[in-house]
Amino acid sequence: MHSNLSRMAIVVWLFVALVITQSYTASLASMLTAQRLEPTIASVDMLRNKNATVGYCDGSTIVKDYLVKVLRFEDIKTNSYNSTHGYAEALKTGEIAAIFLDVPAAKVFLAQYCKSFVRTGETFKVGGYGFAFARGSPKLADANKALMNVSESGTLKELEDRYINSEKCLDEESSPDENESLNLHSFSVLFVLTGGTSTVALAIYIIISINDFKKSVQEHTSLFQLISAFIKGWHRGMRKSSSIVALAYPED
């Protein structure tokens, strides 16, 4: 490279190549070594041994009674919250160590805060919900038949998949995912810098070449003669550059 413009373009290209290589190396190393989010508490026994405070959904008396009567948490160690944002804030500040939710509510909460919290421990089965009818009501048989049809036809599973299991990760309050893959947009500034530098160097080279050509060739008046003379002059310059490179490395 005998031209300063060529050196300038090559330096920028090498810098961009170095940055891209190092970025992909760091990303690959992060993907291979990053650990999954692991819970700090693995069981209910651990919560009881730590005398930790736990939470539940406000108004869910079934969960509250299960925590106190079955899991044997003290009543003063249970707090109620009325929104997923309230669950998240209480867990982040350490106000509670864990929260107990119905399975549908837990899936929605984890979809909203999938990068901050995980589900751990076993799933407890409670009595569930029931329907009360007056003794001897003729609607009892119809209600049982309708419930059986919904369960056996797959409608219940379809509704669960549509409204619960389809929840995607919507966590925007947590820190960004460290394992997010790199793409062309990640290096858009570097590509613009490279293209701009190369374009400016090429434009300067063309302007300088035209000016030098006009000064050295005054007798050509037609456009065809000017273009032909310019091409010949460019070839002579390339041969001259090749001879300079050859002379720099003589044979022994």
C-alpha atoms as a PDB file:
ATOM      1  CA  MET A   1       0.000   0.000   0.000  1.00  0.00           C
ATOM      2  CA  HIS A   2       1.789   3.072  -1.278  1.00  0.00           C
ATOM      3  CA  SER A   3      -1.209   5.430  -0.940  1.00  0.00           C
ATOM      4  CA  ASN A   4      -2.193   7.168   2.283  1.00  0.00           C
ATOM      5  CA  LEU A   5      -5.844   6.800   1.297  1.00  0.00           C
ATOM      6  CA  SER A   6      -5.429   3.018   1.056  1.00  0.00           C
ATOM      7  CA  ARG A   7      -3.727   2.933   4.432  1.00  0.00           C
ATOM      8  CA  MET A   8      -6.563   4.938   5.978  1.00  0.00           C
ATOM      9  CA  ALA A   9      -9.225   2.570   4.578  1.00  0.00           C
ATOM     10  CA  ILE A  10      -7.312  -0.567   5.620  1.00  0.00           C
ATOM     11  CA  VAL A  11      -6.793   0.737   9.177  1.00  0.00           C
ATOM     12  CA  VAL A  12     -10.561   1.296   9.557  1.00  0.00           C
ATOM     13  CA  TRP A  13     -11.321  -2.165   8.112  1.00  0.00           C
ATOM     14  CA  LEU A  14      -8.894  -3.840  10.498  1.00  0.00           C
ATOM     15  CA  PHE A  15     -10.361  -1.944  13.458  1.00  0.00           C
ATOM     16  CA  VAL A  16     -13.919  -3.004  12.559  1.00  0.00           C
ATOM     17  CA  ALA A  17     -12.824  -6.616  12.000  1.00  0.00           C
ATOM     18  CA  LEU A  18     -11.105  -6.635  15.401  1.00  0.00           C
ATOM     19  CA  VAL A  19     -14.189  -5.261  17.174  1.00  0.00           C
ATOM     20  CA  ILE A  20     -16.535  -7.769  15.497  1.00  0.00           C
ATOM     21  CA  THR A  21     -14.218 -10.690  16.243  1.00  0.00           C
ATOM     22  CA  GLN A  22     -13.838  -9.752  19.900  1.00  0.00           C
ATOM     23  CA  SER A  23     -17.587  -9.178  20.285  1.00  0.00           C
ATOM     24  CA  TYR A  24     -18.500 -12.578  18.893  1.00  0.00           C
ATOM     25  CA  THR A  25     -15.796 -14.233  20.987  1.00  0.00           C
ATOM     26  CA  ALA A  26     -17.160 -12.621  24.157  1.00  0.00           C
ATOM     27  CA  SER A  27     -20.741 -13.529  23.199  1.00  0.00           C
ATOM     28  CA  LEU A  28     -19.801 -17.157  22.577  1.00  0.00           C
ATOM     29  CA  ALA A  29     -17.917 -17.364  25.878  1.00  0.00           C
ATOM     30  CA  SER A  30     -20.921 -15.880  27.689  1.00  0.00           C
ATOM     31  CA  MET A  31     -23.300 -18.379  26.068  1.00  0.00           C
ATOM     32  CA  LEU A  32     -21.089 -21.296  27.097  1.00  0.00           C
ATOM     33  CA  THR A  33     -20.433 -20.202  30.679  1.00  0.00           C
ATOM     34  CA  ALA A  34     -23.632 -18.359  31.689  1.00  0.00           C
ATOM     35  CA  GLN A  35     -25.595 -20.153  34.385  1.00  0.00           C
ATOM     36  CA  ARG A  36     -29.347 -20.523  34.432  1.00  0.00           C
ATOM     37  CA  LEU A  37     -31.382 -18.637  37.020  1.00  0.00           C
ATOM     38  CA  GLU A  38     -31.517 -20.926  40.055  1.00  0.00           C
ATOM     39  CA  PRO A  39     -33.852 -20.535  43.052  1.00  0.00           C
ATOM     40  CA  THR A  40     -32.342 -19.731  46.441  1.00  0.00           C
ATOM     41  CA  ILE A  41     -35.093 -21.704  48.227  1.00  0.00           C
ATOM     42  CA  ALA A  42     -35.915 -25.218  47.103  1.00  0.00           C
ATOM     43  CA  SER A  43     -38.599 -26.436  49.536  1.00  0.00           C
ATOM     44  CA  VAL A  44     -41.297 -25.431  52.001  1.00  0.00           C
ATOM     45  CA  ASP A  45     -39.287 -26.927  54.845  1.00  0.00           C
ATOM     46  CA  MET A  46     -36.482 -24.493  54.100  1.00  0.00           C
ATOM     47  CA  LEU A  47     -38.931 -21.595  54.319  1.00  0.00           C
ATOM     48  CA  ARG A  48     -40.262 -22.794  57.676  1.00  0.00           C
ATOM     49  CA  ASN A  49     -36.774 -23.373  59.068  1.00  0.00           C
ATOM     50  CA  LYS A  50     -35.793 -19.821  58.124  1.00  0.00           C
ATOM     51  CA  ASN A  51     -39.015 -18.503  59.675  1.00  0.00           C
ATOM     52  CA  ALA A  52     -39.556 -16.672  56.385  1.00  0.00           C
ATOM     53  CA  THR A  53     -42.555 -14.568  55.456  1.00  0.00           C
ATOM     54  CA  VAL A  54     -44.511 -15.762  52.415  1.00  0.00           C
ATOM     55  CA  GLY A  55     -47.179 -14.200  50.252  1.00  0.00           C
ATOM     56  CA  TYR A  56     -50.403 -15.163  48.514  1.00  0.00           C
ATOM     57  CA  CYS A  57     -53.041 -13.595  46.295  1.00  0.00           C
ATOM     58  CA  ASP A  58     -55.364 -11.181  48.090  1.00  0.00           C
ATOM     59  CA  GLY A  59     -58.828 -12.732  48.485  1.00  0.00           C
ATOM     60  CA  SER A  60     -57.656 -16.318  48.018  1.00  0.00           C
ATOM     61  CA  THR A  61     -58.864 -17.745  51.318  1.00  0.00           C
ATOM     62  CA  ILE A  62     -58.176 -21.291  50.127  1.00  0.00           C
ATOM     63  CA  VAL A  63     -54.458 -20.580  49.709  1.00  0.00           C
ATOM     64  CA  LYS A  64     -54.346 -18.682  53.001  1.00  0.00           C
ATOM     65  CA  ASP A  65     -55.954 -21.564  54.921  1.00  0.00           C
ATOM     66  CA  TYR A  66     -53.666 -24.076  53.203  1.00  0.00           C
ATOM     67  CA  LEU A  67     -50.573 -22.108  54.209  1.00  0.00           C
ATOM     68  CA  VAL A  68     -51.634 -21.862  57.852  1.00  0.00           C
ATOM     69  CA  LYS A  69     -53.430 -25.155  58.464  1.00  0.00           C
ATOM     70  CA  VAL A  70     -51.570 -27.578  56.182  1.00  0.00           C
ATOM     71  CA  LEU A  71     -48.114 -26.113  55.562  1.00  0.00           C
ATOM     72  CA  ARG A  72     -48.050 -24.723  59.128  1.00  0.00           C
ATOM     73  CA  PHE A  73     -46.897 -21.182  58.486  1.00  0.00           C
ATOM     74  CA  GLU A  74     -47.663 -18.696  61.244  1.00  0.00           C
ATOM     75  CA  ASP A  75     -50.529 -16.376  60.435  1.00  0.00           C
ATOM     76  CA  ILE A  76     -48.357 -13.307  60.959  1.00  0.00           C
ATOM     77  CA  LYS A  77     -45.841 -14.706  58.454  1.00  0.00           C
ATOM     78  CA  THR A  78     -48.300 -14.559  55.532  1.00  0.00           C
ATOM     79  CA  ASN A  79     -48.943 -11.389  53.526  1.00  0.00           C
ATOM     80  CA  SER A  80     -51.533 -10.847  50.799  1.00  0.00           C
ATOM     81  CA  TYR A  81     -51.037  -8.870  47.570  1.00  0.00           C
ATOM     82  CA  ASN A  82     -53.528  -7.853  44.905  1.00  0.00           C
ATOM     83  CA  SER A  83     -51.395  -7.601  41.739  1.00  0.00           C
ATOM     84  CA  THR A  84     -48.461  -9.212  39.973  1.00  0.00           C
ATOM     85  CA  HIS A  85     -46.550  -5.946  40.392  1.00  0.00           C
ATOM     86  CA  GLY A  86     -47.110  -6.209  44.149  1.00  0.00           C
ATOM     87  CA  TYR A  87     -45.737  -9.787  44.143  1.00  0.00           C
ATOM     88  CA  ALA A  88     -42.638  -8.690  42.243  1.00  0.00           C
ATOM     89  CA  GLU A  89     -41.910  -5.691  44.457  1.00  0.00           C
ATOM     90  CA  ALA A  90     -42.318  -7.717  47.655  1.00  0.00           C
ATOM     91  CA  LEU A  91     -39.975 -10.422  46.381  1.00  0.00           C
ATOM     92  CA  LYS A  92     -37.369  -7.934  45.163  1.00  0.00           C
ATOM     93  CA  THR A  93     -37.303  -5.949  48.404  1.00  0.00           C
ATOM     94  CA  GLY A  94     -37.144  -9.093  50.539  1.00  0.00           C
ATOM     95  CA  GLU A  95     -40.484  -8.405  52.203  1.00  0.00           C
ATOM     96  CA  ILE A  96     -41.401 -12.007  51.431  1.00  0.00           C
ATOM     97  CA  ALA A  97     -39.172 -14.974  50.559  1.00  0.00           C
ATOM     98  CA  ALA A  98     -41.685 -16.730  48.295  1.00  0.00           C
ATOM     99  CA  ILE A  99     -45.233 -16.438  47.056  1.00  0.00           C
ATOM    100  CA  PHE A 100     -47.870 -19.155  46.711  1.00  0.00           C
ATOM    101  CA  LEU A 101     -50.300 -18.783  43.802  1.00  0.00           C
ATOM    102  CA  ASP A 102     -52.873 -20.798  41.923  1.00  0.00           C
ATOM    103  CA  VAL A 103     -51.321 -22.445  38.861  1.00  0.00           C
ATOM    104  CA  PRO A 104     -52.998 -20.097  36.295  1.00  0.00           C
ATOM    105  CA  ALA A 105     -51.969 -16.991  38.273  1.00  0.00           C
ATOM    106  CA  ALA A 106     -48.434 -18.365  38.690  1.00  0.00           C
ATOM    107  CA  LYS A 107     -48.065 -18.892  34.938  1.00  0.00           C
ATOM    108  CA  VAL A 108     -49.187 -15.334  34.202  1.00  0.00           C
ATOM    109  CA  PHE A 109     -46.832 -13.925  36.854  1.00  0.00           C
ATOM    110  CA  LEU A 110     -43.837 -15.904  35.565  1.00  0.00           C
ATOM    111  CA  ALA A 111     -44.601 -14.789  32.011  1.00  0.00           C
ATOM    112  CA  GLN A 112     -44.445 -11.154  33.096  1.00  0.00           C
ATOM    113  CA  TYR A 113     -41.272 -11.587  35.186  1.00  0.00           C
ATOM    114  CA  CYS A 114     -39.589 -14.572  33.536  1.00  0.00           C
ATOM    115  CA  LYS A 115     -36.068 -13.113  33.842  1.00  0.00           C
ATOM    116  CA  SER A 116     -36.309 -12.368  37.563  1.00  0.00           C
ATOM    117  CA  PHE A 117     -38.160 -15.252  39.214  1.00  0.00           C
ATOM    118  CA  VAL A 118     -38.493 -19.009  38.767  1.00  0.00           C
ATOM    119  CA  ARG A 119     -40.925 -21.639  39.895  1.00  0.00           C
ATOM    120  CA  THR A 120     -39.545 -24.121  42.409  1.00  0.00           C
ATOM    121  CA  GLY A 121     -40.677 -26.835  44.747  1.00  0.00           C
ATOM    122  CA  GLU A 122     -43.649 -29.128  44.425  1.00  0.00           C
ATOM    123  CA  THR A 123     -47.190 -28.309  43.335  1.00  0.00           C
ATOM    124  CA  PHE A 124     -49.780 -28.786  46.079  1.00  0.00           C
ATOM    125  CA  LYS A 125     -53.239 -30.075  45.247  1.00  0.00           C
ATOM    126  CA  VAL A 126     -56.169 -28.671  47.188  1.00  0.00           C
ATOM    127  CA  GLY A 127     -59.860 -29.479  47.120  1.00  0.00           C
ATOM    128  CA  GLY A 128     -60.526 -27.024  44.323  1.00  0.00           C
ATOM    129  CA  TYR A 129     -63.823 -25.338  43.494  1.00  0.00           C
ATOM    130  CA  GLY A 130     -67.321 -26.821  43.520  1.00  0.00           C
ATOM    131  CA  PHE A 131     -70.896 -26.032  42.495  1.00  0.00           C
ATOM    132  CA  ALA A 132     -73.751 -26.124  44.976  1.00  0.00           C
ATOM    133  CA  PHE A 133     -77.312 -26.979  44.018  1.00  0.00           C
ATOM    134  CA  ALA A 134     -80.442 -27.371  46.039  1.00  0.00           C
ATOM    135  CA  ARG A 135     -81.184 -30.939  47.103  1.00  0.00           C
ATOM    136  CA  GLY A 136     -83.034 -32.726  44.352  1.00  0.00           C
ATOM    137  CA  SER A 137     -82.373 -29.998  41.787  1.00  0.00           C
ATOM    138  CA  PRO A 138     -82.908 -31.182  38.173  1.00  0.00           C
ATOM    139  CA  LYS A 139     -79.918 -29.058  37.094  1.00  0.00           C
ATOM    140  CA  LEU A 140     -77.435 -31.327  38.870  1.00  0.00           C
ATOM    141  CA  ALA A 141     -77.403 -33.969  36.135  1.00  0.00           C
ATOM    142  CA  ASP A 142     -77.064 -31.324  33.401  1.00  0.00           C
ATOM    143  CA  ALA A 143     -74.165 -29.646  35.224  1.00  0.00           C
ATOM    144  CA  ASN A 144     -72.314 -32.951  35.657  1.00  0.00           C
ATOM    145  CA  LYS A 145     -72.856 -33.801  32.001  1.00  0.00           C
ATOM    146  CA  ALA A 146     -71.607 -30.387  30.861  1.00  0.00           C
ATOM    147  CA  LEU A 147     -68.475 -30.643  33.015  1.00  0.00           C
ATOM    148  CA  MET A 148     -67.724 -34.122  31.695  1.00  0.00           C
ATOM    149  CA  ASN A 149     -68.156 -32.961  28.101  1.00  0.00           C
ATOM    150  CA  VAL A 150     -65.782 -30.026  28.607  1.00  0.00           C
ATOM    151  CA  SER A 151     -63.157 -32.238  30.207  1.00  0.00           C
ATOM    152  CA  GLU A 152     -63.369 -35.245  27.868  1.00  0.00           C
ATOM    153  CA  SER A 153     -63.703 -33.300  24.605  1.00  0.00           C
ATOM    154  CA  GLY A 154     -60.418 -31.510  25.125  1.00  0.00           C
ATOM    155  CA  THR A 155     -62.038 -28.083  25.409  1.00  0.00           C
ATOM    156  CA  LEU A 156     -60.561 -27.539  28.874  1.00  0.00           C
ATOM    157  CA  LYS A 157     -57.043 -28.343  27.616  1.00  0.00           C
ATOM    158  CA  GLU A 158     -57.543 -26.065  24.613  1.00  0.00           C
ATOM    159  CA  LEU A 159     -58.622 -23.171  26.828  1.00  0.00           C
ATOM    160  CA  GLU A 160     -55.601 -23.708  29.096  1.00  0.00           C
ATOM    161  CA  ASP A 161     -53.205 -23.728  26.142  1.00  0.00           C
ATOM    162  CA  ARG A 162     -54.794 -20.632  24.616  1.00  0.00           C
ATOM    163  CA  TYR A 163     -55.028 -18.389  27.666  1.00  0.00           C
ATOM    164  CA  ILE A 164     -52.343 -19.701  30.039  1.00  0.00           C
ATOM    165  CA  ASN A 165     -49.635 -21.782  28.379  1.00  0.00           C
ATOM    166  CA  SER A 166     -49.437 -19.330  25.460  1.00  0.00           C
ATOM    167  CA  GLU A 167     -48.144 -16.583  27.740  1.00  0.00           C
ATOM    168  CA  LYS A 168     -44.799 -15.350  26.397  1.00  0.00           C
ATOM    169  CA  CYS A 169     -41.968 -13.731  28.243  1.00  0.00           C
ATOM    170  CA  LEU A 170     -42.941 -10.076  28.673  1.00  0.00           C
ATOM    171  CA  ASP A 171     -40.343  -9.151  31.275  1.00  0.00           C
ATOM    172  CA  GLU A 172     -39.260  -5.556  30.522  1.00  0.00           C
ATOM    173  CA  GLU A 173     -38.364  -4.461  34.048  1.00  0.00           C
ATOM    174  CA  SER A 174     -35.496  -6.886  34.520  1.00  0.00           C
ATOM    175  CA  SER A 175     -32.021  -6.475  33.162  1.00  0.00           C
ATOM    176  CA  PRO A 176     -31.651  -7.443  29.489  1.00  0.00           C
ATOM    177  CA  ASP A 177     -30.837 -10.996  28.618  1.00  0.00           C
ATOM    178  CA  GLU A 178     -27.070 -11.438  28.666  1.00  0.00           C
ATOM    179  CA  ASN A 179     -27.293 -14.303  26.189  1.00  0.00           C
ATOM    180  CA  GLU A 180     -29.080 -12.291  23.538  1.00  0.00           C
ATOM    181  CA  SER A 181     -27.473 -13.120  20.204  1.00  0.00           C
ATOM    182  CA  LEU A 182     -25.602 -10.564  18.111  1.00  0.00           C
ATOM    183  CA  ASN A 183     -26.849  -9.553  14.673  1.00  0.00           C
ATOM    184  CA  LEU A 184     -26.019  -7.123  11.872  1.00  0.00           C
ATOM    185  CA  HIS A 185     -27.935  -4.329  13.587  1.00  0.00           C
ATOM    186  CA  SER A 186     -25.582  -4.594  16.574  1.00  0.00           C
ATOM    187  CA  PHE A 187     -22.697  -3.401  14.381  1.00  0.00           C
ATOM    188  CA  SER A 188     -24.571  -0.901  12.204  1.00  0.00           C
ATOM    189  CA  VAL A 189     -22.424   2.021  13.411  1.00  0.00           C
ATOM    190  CA  LEU A 190     -19.214   0.165  12.530  1.00  0.00           C
ATOM    191  CA  PHE A 191     -20.517  -0.715   9.075  1.00  0.00           C
ATOM    192  CA  VAL A 192     -21.509   2.916   8.457  1.00  0.00           C
ATOM    193  CA  LEU A 193     -18.041   4.048   9.596  1.00  0.00           C
ATOM    194  CA  THR A 194     -16.343   1.544   7.281  1.00  0.00           C
ATOM    195  CA  GLY A 195     -18.506   2.376   4.283  1.00  0.00           C
ATOM    196  CA  GLY A 196     -18.203   6.117   4.864  1.00  0.00           C
ATOM    197  CA  THR A 197     -14.423   6.004   5.194  1.00  0.00           C
ATOM    198  CA  SER A 198     -14.008   3.883   2.072  1.00  0.00           C
ATOM    199  CA  THR A 199     -16.368   6.112   0.092  1.00  0.00           C
ATOM    200  CA  VAL A 200     -14.574   9.299   1.174  1.00  0.00           C
ATOM    201  CA  ALA A 201     -11.172   7.781   0.312  1.00  0.00           C
ATOM    202  CA  LEU A 202     -12.434   6.695  -3.113  1.00  0.00           C
ATOM    203  CA  ALA A 203     -13.963  10.126  -3.804  1.00  0.00           C
ATOM    204  CA  ILE A 204     -10.747  11.920  -2.823  1.00  0.00           C
ATOM    205  CA  TYR A 205      -8.723   9.557  -5.000  1.00  0.00           C
ATOM    206  CA  ILE A 206     -10.977  10.173  -8.015  1.00  0.00           C
ATOM    207  CA  ILE A 207     -10.874  13.961  -7.559  1.00  0.00           C
ATOM    208  CA  ILE A 208      -7.080  14.007  -7.219  1.00  0.00           C
ATOM    209  CA  SER A 209      -6.678  11.718 -10.254  1.00  0.00           C
ATOM    210  CA  ILE A 210      -8.935  13.901 -12.422  1.00  0.00           C
ATOM    211  CA  ASN A 211      -7.144  17.079 -11.410  1.00  0.00           C
ATOM    212  CA  ASP A 212      -3.731  15.550 -12.118  1.00  0.00           C
ATOM    213  CA  PHE A 213      -4.975  14.239 -15.440  1.00  0.00           C
ATOM    214  CA  LYS A 214      -6.311  17.647 -16.491  1.00  0.00           C
ATOM    215  CA  LYS A 215      -2.984  19.272 -15.703  1.00  0.00           C
ATOM    216  CA  SER A 216      -0.940  16.696 -17.647  1.00  0.00           C
ATOM    217  CA  VAL A 217      -3.195  16.354 -20.696  1.00  0.00           C
ATOM    218  CA  GLN A 218      -4.249  19.636 -22.288  1.00  0.00           C
ATOM    219  CA  GLU A 219      -4.322  18.700 -25.981  1.00  0.00           C
ATOM    220  CA  HIS A 220      -7.327  16.324 -25.770  1.00  0.00           C
ATOM    221  CA  THR A 221     -10.589  18.156 -26.340  1.00  0.00           C
ATOM    222  CA  SER A 222     -13.238  15.491 -27.002  1.00  0.00           C
ATOM    223  CA  LEU A 223     -14.848  13.426 -24.202  1.00  0.00           C
ATOM    224  CA  PHE A 224     -13.765  10.137 -25.780  1.00  0.00           C
ATOM    225  CA  GLN A 225     -10.151  11.254 -26.008  1.00  0.00           C
ATOM    226  CA  LEU A 226     -10.193  12.424 -22.389  1.00  0.00           C
ATOM    227  CA  ILE A 227     -11.620   9.091 -21.153  1.00  0.00           C
ATOM    228  CA  SER A 228      -9.163   7.077 -23.278  1.00  0.00           C
ATOM    229  CA  ALA A 229      -6.200   9.113 -22.056  1.00  0.00           C
ATOM    230  CA  PHE A 230      -7.375   8.826 -18.438  1.00  0.00           C
ATOM    231  CA  ILE A 231      -7.594   5.023 -18.655  1.00  0.00           C
ATOM    232  CA  LYS A 232      -4.126   4.809 -20.209  1.00  0.00           C
ATOM    233  CA  GLY A 233      -2.714   7.043 -17.496  1.00  0.00           C
ATOM    234  CA  TRP A 234      -4.362   4.934 -14.809  1.00  0.00           C
ATOM    235  CA  HIS A 235      -2.813   1.758 -16.278  1.00  0.00           C
ATOM    236  CA  ARG A 236       0.615   3.371 -16.341  1.00  0.00           C
ATOM    237  CA  GLY A 237       0.199   4.343 -12.689  1.00  0.00           C
ATOM    238  CA  MET A 238      -0.782   0.782 -11.750  1.00  0.00           C
ATOM    239  CA  ARG A 239       2.258  -0.661 -13.585  1.00  0.00           C
ATOM    240  CA  LYS A 240       4.457   1.859 -11.852  1.00  0.00           C
ATOM    241  CA  SER A 241       3.023   0.822  -8.439  1.00  0.00           C
ATOM    242  CA  SER A 242       3.617  -2.849  -9.274  1.00  0.00           C
ATOM    243  CA  SER A 243       7.232  -2.137 -10.199  1.00  0.00           C
ATOM    244  CA  ILE A 244       7.732  -0.300  -6.905  1.00  0.00           C
ATOM    245  CA  VAL A 245       6.424  -3.304  -4.955  1.00  0.00           C
ATOM    246  CA  ALA A 246       8.628  -5.675  -7.004  1.00  0.00           C
ATOM    247  CA  LEU A 247      11.714  -3.607  -6.340  1.00  0.00           C
ATOM    248  CA  ALA A 248      11.001  -3.697  -2.644  1.00  0.00           C
ATOM    249  CA  TYR A 249      11.449  -7.472  -2.610  1.00  0.00           C
ATOM    250  CA  PRO A 250      14.401  -8.348  -4.909  1.00  0.00           C
ATOM    251  CA  GLU A 251      15.418 -11.950  -5.440  1.00  0.00           C
ATOM    252  CA  ASP A 252      18.544 -13.306  -3.716  1.00  0.00           C
END
